[in-house]
Amino acid sequence: MPKYLTVASYTAEGAKGLLKEGGTARRAAVEKLMKSLGGRLEAFYFAFGDNDAYIITEGPDKTIVLLTPEEIDQAAKKTVKFQPPGS
């Protein structure tokens, strides 16, 4: 199953909820969500800065695919025949 990176930022209201319920409750909620989608939570980290959380999951269909260095090596060896429009 592919791995995905989710980057999250909290609103002021969301941050209040996080402080009230705690970080472990938020991680548990994401873990439950991923299981319901047929995936799994691999890692959940809170961070300081522009983004508040970085979450790595495995799932059948999300938005940002993570590739291993070996997968990049394999992809770099593939050739693609592409004809630009108007050529």
C-alpha atoms as a PDB file:
ATOM      1  CA  MET A   1       0.000   0.000   0.000  1.00  0.00           C
ATOM      2  CA  PRO A   2       1.404   3.480  -0.837  1.00  0.00           C
ATOM      3  CA  LYS A   3       2.577   5.860   1.888  1.00  0.00           C
ATOM      4  CA  TYR A   4       1.315   9.422   2.141  1.00  0.00           C
ATOM      5  CA  LEU A   5       2.361  12.575   3.926  1.00  0.00           C
ATOM      6  CA  THR A   6      -0.317  14.838   5.354  1.00  0.00           C
ATOM      7  CA  VAL A   7       0.648  18.294   6.598  1.00  0.00           C
ATOM      8  CA  ALA A   8      -1.847  19.895   8.984  1.00  0.00           C
ATOM      9  CA  SER A   9      -2.354  23.338  10.492  1.00  0.00           C
ATOM     10  CA  TYR A  10      -4.820  24.105  13.264  1.00  0.00           C
ATOM     11  CA  THR A  11      -7.193  27.047  13.419  1.00  0.00           C
ATOM     12  CA  ALA A  12      -7.433  28.872  16.751  1.00  0.00           C
ATOM     13  CA  GLU A  13     -10.566  26.841  17.546  1.00  0.00           C
ATOM     14  CA  GLY A  14      -8.835  23.596  16.583  1.00  0.00           C
ATOM     15  CA  ALA A  15      -5.857  24.437  18.799  1.00  0.00           C
ATOM     16  CA  LYS A  16      -8.229  24.960  21.750  1.00  0.00           C
ATOM     17  CA  GLY A  17      -9.760  21.536  21.105  1.00  0.00           C
ATOM     18  CA  LEU A  18      -6.301  19.994  20.888  1.00  0.00           C
ATOM     19  CA  LEU A  19      -5.306  21.524  24.221  1.00  0.00           C
ATOM     20  CA  LYS A  20      -8.551  20.309  25.802  1.00  0.00           C
ATOM     21  CA  GLU A  21      -8.425  16.706  24.513  1.00  0.00           C
ATOM     22  CA  GLY A  22      -4.649  16.263  24.202  1.00  0.00           C
ATOM     23  CA  GLY A  23      -2.302  15.087  21.493  1.00  0.00           C
ATOM     24  CA  THR A  24      -2.835  11.381  22.101  1.00  0.00           C
ATOM     25  CA  ALA A  25      -6.580  11.792  21.552  1.00  0.00           C
ATOM     26  CA  ARG A  26      -5.910  13.535  18.216  1.00  0.00           C
ATOM     27  CA  ARG A  27      -3.566  10.726  17.143  1.00  0.00           C
ATOM     28  CA  ALA A  28      -6.182   8.139  18.141  1.00  0.00           C
ATOM     29  CA  ALA A  29      -8.816   9.961  16.074  1.00  0.00           C
ATOM     30  CA  VAL A  30      -6.566   9.942  12.992  1.00  0.00           C
ATOM     31  CA  GLU A  31      -5.729   6.271  13.563  1.00  0.00           C
ATOM     32  CA  LYS A  32      -9.460   5.432  13.738  1.00  0.00           C
ATOM     33  CA  LEU A  33     -10.102   7.444  10.568  1.00  0.00           C
ATOM     34  CA  MET A  34      -7.350   5.657   8.651  1.00  0.00           C
ATOM     35  CA  LYS A  35      -8.621   2.230   9.723  1.00  0.00           C
ATOM     36  CA  SER A  36     -12.109   3.159   8.516  1.00  0.00           C
ATOM     37  CA  LEU A  37     -10.601   3.994   5.103  1.00  0.00           C
ATOM     38  CA  GLY A  38      -8.719   0.709   4.856  1.00  0.00           C
ATOM     39  CA  GLY A  39      -5.349   2.243   5.722  1.00  0.00           C
ATOM     40  CA  ARG A  40      -3.140   2.673   8.746  1.00  0.00           C
ATOM     41  CA  LEU A  41      -1.390   5.427  10.656  1.00  0.00           C
ATOM     42  CA  GLU A  42       2.385   5.029  10.585  1.00  0.00           C
ATOM     43  CA  ALA A  43       3.585   8.211  12.316  1.00  0.00           C
ATOM     44  CA  PHE A  44       2.065  11.371  13.815  1.00  0.00           C
ATOM     45  CA  TYR A  45       4.257  14.288  14.843  1.00  0.00           C
ATOM     46  CA  PHE A  46       3.389  17.733  16.145  1.00  0.00           C
ATOM     47  CA  ALA A  47       5.730  20.562  15.137  1.00  0.00           C
ATOM     48  CA  PHE A  48       6.420  24.246  15.744  1.00  0.00           C
ATOM     49  CA  GLY A  49       6.402  26.550  12.735  1.00  0.00           C
ATOM     50  CA  ASP A  50       4.130  27.102   9.738  1.00  0.00           C
ATOM     51  CA  ASN A  51       2.606  23.625  10.053  1.00  0.00           C
ATOM     52  CA  ASP A  52       1.325  22.069  13.262  1.00  0.00           C
ATOM     53  CA  ALA A  53       1.444  18.365  12.429  1.00  0.00           C
ATOM     54  CA  TYR A  54       3.074  15.923  10.019  1.00  0.00           C
ATOM     55  CA  ILE A  55       1.298  12.617   9.563  1.00  0.00           C
ATOM     56  CA  ILE A  56       2.503   9.579   7.623  1.00  0.00           C
ATOM     57  CA  THR A  57      -0.117   7.041   6.629  1.00  0.00           C
ATOM     58  CA  GLU A  58      -0.584   4.065   4.374  1.00  0.00           C
ATOM     59  CA  GLY A  59      -3.769   4.091   2.384  1.00  0.00           C
ATOM     60  CA  PRO A  60      -5.400   3.058  -0.831  1.00  0.00           C
ATOM     61  CA  ASP A  61      -5.961   6.581  -2.156  1.00  0.00           C
ATOM     62  CA  LYS A  62      -4.883   9.989  -0.864  1.00  0.00           C
ATOM     63  CA  THR A  63      -3.057  12.997  -2.296  1.00  0.00           C
ATOM     64  CA  ILE A  64       0.709  13.087  -1.651  1.00  0.00           C
ATOM     65  CA  VAL A  65       2.503   9.852  -2.519  1.00  0.00           C
ATOM     66  CA  LEU A  66       5.795   9.200  -0.703  1.00  0.00           C
ATOM     67  CA  LEU A  67       8.455   7.278  -2.631  1.00  0.00           C
ATOM     68  CA  THR A  68      11.447   5.414  -1.234  1.00  0.00           C
ATOM     69  CA  PRO A  69      14.894   6.127  -2.711  1.00  0.00           C
ATOM     70  CA  GLU A  70      14.723   2.708  -4.407  1.00  0.00           C
ATOM     71  CA  GLU A  71      11.385   3.586  -6.028  1.00  0.00           C
ATOM     72  CA  ILE A  72      12.885   6.833  -7.355  1.00  0.00           C
ATOM     73  CA  ASP A  73      15.819   4.864  -8.809  1.00  0.00           C
ATOM     74  CA  GLN A  74      13.361   2.545 -10.579  1.00  0.00           C
ATOM     75  CA  ALA A  75      11.291   5.463 -11.881  1.00  0.00           C
ATOM     76  CA  ALA A  76      14.402   7.243 -13.205  1.00  0.00           C
ATOM     77  CA  LYS A  77      15.205   4.201 -15.378  1.00  0.00           C
ATOM     78  CA  LYS A  78      11.820   4.281 -17.127  1.00  0.00           C
ATOM     79  CA  THR A  79      11.501   5.928 -20.508  1.00  0.00           C
ATOM     80  CA  VAL A  80       8.427   7.767 -21.660  1.00  0.00           C
ATOM     81  CA  LYS A  81       7.533   8.671 -25.239  1.00  0.00           C
ATOM     82  CA  PHE A  82       5.964  12.107 -25.118  1.00  0.00           C
ATOM     83  CA  GLN A  83       4.935  14.321 -28.002  1.00  0.00           C
ATOM     84  CA  PRO A  84       4.283  17.934 -27.050  1.00  0.00           C
ATOM     85  CA  PRO A  85       1.074  19.492 -28.392  1.00  0.00           C
ATOM     86  CA  GLY A  86       1.497  20.834 -31.928  1.00  0.00           C
ATOM     87  CA  SER A  87       4.503  18.668 -32.731  1.00  0.00           C
END
